[in-house]
C-alpha cells in the first residue's frame, strides 16, 4: 500500500494539528493518536472521492501537494522541535513526522 507523509504538532494548548503534506489535508485533535486516526480517515475519504472524478481532475487531485510555504513552515517546526527537545524545557515530543498508509 502506498505511503504518504504526515506531520503532527502539539500546540501547547492540548490541540494536535496534523497535515498530510502529500495531499495538503489537515486535521485537529486532542491527542496524537486521535490526530493520526483522523488523518487516516480524511486521506481515505479524499482518495476515494478523487478516484471517482473524471480525468484530468483525478490526476490533479491525487498529485496535489501542500504549498511550498506550508512545507517550509512545517519543516521549520520539525527542525525546531528536534533541536529544542534536548532542552530541559521540553519533557515530551511536540512534533512528529510519520508515513501513513494511503489507500491506492
C-alpha atoms as a PDB file:
ATOM      1  CA  UNK A   1       0.000   0.000   0.000  1.00  0.00           C
ATOM      2  CA  UNK A   2       1.453   3.435  -0.907  1.00  0.00           C
ATOM      3  CA  UNK A   3       2.593   5.752   1.873  1.00  0.00           C
ATOM      4  CA  UNK A   4       2.045   9.495   2.300  1.00  0.00           C
ATOM      5  CA  UNK A   5       3.978  11.761   4.651  1.00  0.00           C
ATOM      6  CA  UNK A   6       2.166  13.452   7.518  1.00  0.00           C
ATOM      7  CA  UNK A   7       3.409  15.780  10.246  1.00  0.00           C
ATOM      8  CA  UNK A   8       1.842  16.431  13.633  1.00  0.00           C
ATOM      9  CA  UNK A   9       2.397  19.101  16.273  1.00  0.00           C
ATOM     10  CA  UNK A  10       1.109  19.719  19.786  1.00  0.00           C
ATOM     11  CA  UNK A  11       0.276  23.415  20.146  1.00  0.00           C
ATOM     12  CA  UNK A  12       0.830  23.530  23.938  1.00  0.00           C
ATOM     13  CA  UNK A  13      -2.906  24.002  24.476  1.00  0.00           C
ATOM     14  CA  UNK A  14      -3.747  20.317  24.156  1.00  0.00           C
ATOM     15  CA  UNK A  15      -4.628  20.541  20.465  1.00  0.00           C
ATOM     16  CA  UNK A  16      -2.667  18.479  17.976  1.00  0.00           C
ATOM     17  CA  UNK A  17      -2.501  19.671  14.370  1.00  0.00           C
ATOM     18  CA  UNK A  18      -1.873  17.144  11.644  1.00  0.00           C
ATOM     19  CA  UNK A  19      -1.020  17.782   7.996  1.00  0.00           C
ATOM     20  CA  UNK A  20      -0.773  15.318   5.135  1.00  0.00           C
ATOM     21  CA  UNK A  21       1.956  17.027   3.128  1.00  0.00           C
ATOM     22  CA  UNK A  22       1.319  14.897   0.042  1.00  0.00           C
ATOM     23  CA  UNK A  23      -2.348  15.915  -0.314  1.00  0.00           C
ATOM     24  CA  UNK A  24      -2.455  19.204   1.647  1.00  0.00           C
ATOM     25  CA  UNK A  25      -5.056  17.861   4.091  1.00  0.00           C
ATOM     26  CA  UNK A  26      -5.232  18.983   7.735  1.00  0.00           C
ATOM     27  CA  UNK A  27      -6.897  17.854  10.979  1.00  0.00           C
ATOM     28  CA  UNK A  28      -7.020  18.888  14.635  1.00  0.00           C
ATOM     29  CA  UNK A  29      -7.449  16.559  17.610  1.00  0.00           C
ATOM     30  CA  UNK A  30      -6.935  16.268  21.350  1.00  0.00           C
ATOM     31  CA  UNK A  31      -4.086  13.738  21.127  1.00  0.00           C
ATOM     32  CA  UNK A  32      -1.501  12.475  18.672  1.00  0.00           C
ATOM     33  CA  UNK A  33      -3.235   9.115  18.327  1.00  0.00           C
ATOM     34  CA  UNK A  34      -6.584  10.817  17.668  1.00  0.00           C
ATOM     35  CA  UNK A  35      -4.969  13.113  15.078  1.00  0.00           C
ATOM     36  CA  UNK A  36      -3.373  10.092  13.398  1.00  0.00           C
ATOM     37  CA  UNK A  37      -6.712   8.279  13.206  1.00  0.00           C
ATOM     38  CA  UNK A  38      -8.455  11.401  11.877  1.00  0.00           C
ATOM     39  CA  UNK A  39      -5.843  11.986   9.176  1.00  0.00           C
ATOM     40  CA  UNK A  40      -6.158   8.337   8.067  1.00  0.00           C
ATOM     41  CA  UNK A  41      -9.922   8.777   7.637  1.00  0.00           C
ATOM     42  CA  UNK A  42      -9.516  12.102   5.829  1.00  0.00           C
ATOM     43  CA  UNK A  43      -6.918  10.610   3.467  1.00  0.00           C
ATOM     44  CA  UNK A  44      -9.096   7.579   2.701  1.00  0.00           C
ATOM     45  CA  UNK A  45     -12.141   9.782   2.008  1.00  0.00           C
ATOM     46  CA  UNK A  46     -10.081  12.159  -0.120  1.00  0.00           C
ATOM     47  CA  UNK A  47      -8.566   9.377  -2.246  1.00  0.00           C
ATOM     48  CA  UNK A  48     -11.951   7.679  -2.675  1.00  0.00           C
ATOM     49  CA  UNK A  49     -13.546  10.941  -3.800  1.00  0.00           C
ATOM     50  CA  UNK A  50     -10.620  11.795  -6.092  1.00  0.00           C
ATOM     51  CA  UNK A  51     -10.798   8.392  -7.776  1.00  0.00           C
ATOM     52  CA  UNK A  52     -14.448   8.974  -8.642  1.00  0.00           C
ATOM     53  CA  UNK A  53     -13.597  12.167 -10.561  1.00  0.00           C
ATOM     54  CA  UNK A  54     -13.009  12.157 -14.312  1.00  0.00           C
ATOM     55  CA  UNK A  55      -9.584  12.788 -15.792  1.00  0.00           C
ATOM     56  CA  UNK A  56      -7.749  15.218 -15.617  1.00  0.00           C
ATOM     57  CA  UNK A  57      -9.350  16.245 -12.295  1.00  0.00           C
ATOM     58  CA  UNK A  58      -8.494  12.861 -10.712  1.00  0.00           C
ATOM     59  CA  UNK A  59      -4.806  13.187 -11.569  1.00  0.00           C
ATOM     60  CA  UNK A  60      -4.673  16.778 -10.371  1.00  0.00           C
ATOM     61  CA  UNK A  61      -6.244  15.821  -7.015  1.00  0.00           C
ATOM     62  CA  UNK A  62      -4.037  12.770  -6.496  1.00  0.00           C
ATOM     63  CA  UNK A  63      -0.837  14.705  -7.245  1.00  0.00           C
ATOM     64  CA  UNK A  64      -1.729  17.785  -5.190  1.00  0.00           C
ATOM     65  CA  UNK A  65       0.918  18.806  -2.637  1.00  0.00           C
ATOM     66  CA  UNK A  66       0.964  21.300   0.190  1.00  0.00           C
ATOM     67  CA  UNK A  67       2.274  24.684  -0.990  1.00  0.00           C
ATOM     68  CA  UNK A  68       5.994  25.305  -0.567  1.00  0.00           C
ATOM     69  CA  UNK A  69       5.390  27.885   2.178  1.00  0.00           C
ATOM     70  CA  UNK A  70       3.370  25.356   4.193  1.00  0.00           C
ATOM     71  CA  UNK A  71       6.022  22.649   3.737  1.00  0.00           C
ATOM     72  CA  UNK A  72       8.751  25.074   4.788  1.00  0.00           C
ATOM     73  CA  UNK A  73       6.802  26.161   7.882  1.00  0.00           C
ATOM     74  CA  UNK A  74       6.296  22.526   8.940  1.00  0.00           C
ATOM     75  CA  UNK A  75       9.930  21.750   8.145  1.00  0.00           C
ATOM     76  CA  UNK A  76      10.942  24.585  10.445  1.00  0.00           C
ATOM     77  CA  UNK A  77       8.629  23.237  13.173  1.00  0.00           C
ATOM     78  CA  UNK A  78      10.210  19.782  12.841  1.00  0.00           C
ATOM     79  CA  UNK A  79      13.714  21.251  12.927  1.00  0.00           C
ATOM     80  CA  UNK A  80      12.954  23.476  15.926  1.00  0.00           C
ATOM     81  CA  UNK A  81      11.335  20.599  17.806  1.00  0.00           C
ATOM     82  CA  UNK A  82      14.379  18.411  17.164  1.00  0.00           C
ATOM     83  CA  UNK A  83      16.887  20.945  18.450  1.00  0.00           C
ATOM     84  CA  UNK A  84      14.744  22.073  21.378  1.00  0.00           C
ATOM     85  CA  UNK A  85      13.997  18.507  22.508  1.00  0.00           C
ATOM     86  CA  UNK A  86      17.473  18.491  24.040  1.00  0.00           C
ATOM     87  CA  UNK A  87      16.442  21.439  26.180  1.00  0.00           C
ATOM     88  CA  UNK A  88      15.152  20.784  29.692  1.00  0.00           C
ATOM     89  CA  UNK A  89      12.101  22.942  28.903  1.00  0.00           C
ATOM     90  CA  UNK A  90      10.547  20.136  26.876  1.00  0.00           C
ATOM     91  CA  UNK A  91       9.826  16.846  28.582  1.00  0.00           C
ATOM     92  CA  UNK A  92       7.790  15.299  25.748  1.00  0.00           C
ATOM     93  CA  UNK A  93       7.851  15.272  21.953  1.00  0.00           C
ATOM     94  CA  UNK A  94       5.867  18.122  20.437  1.00  0.00           C
ATOM     95  CA  UNK A  95       6.269  17.348  16.750  1.00  0.00           C
ATOM     96  CA  UNK A  96       6.176  14.062  14.866  1.00  0.00           C
ATOM     97  CA  UNK A  97       6.550  13.113  11.229  1.00  0.00           C
ATOM     98  CA  UNK A  98       5.074   9.794  10.100  1.00  0.00           C
ATOM     99  CA  UNK A  99       4.407   7.847   6.940  1.00  0.00           C
ATOM    100  CA  UNK A 100       0.757   6.839   6.742  1.00  0.00           C
ATOM    101  CA  UNK A 101      -0.729   4.140   4.529  1.00  0.00           C
ATOM    102  CA  UNK A 102      -2.693   5.537   1.635  1.00  0.00           C
ATOM    103  CA  UNK A 103      -5.495   3.526   0.047  1.00  0.00           C
ATOM    104  CA  UNK A 104      -4.485   3.491  -3.609  1.00  0.00           C
END
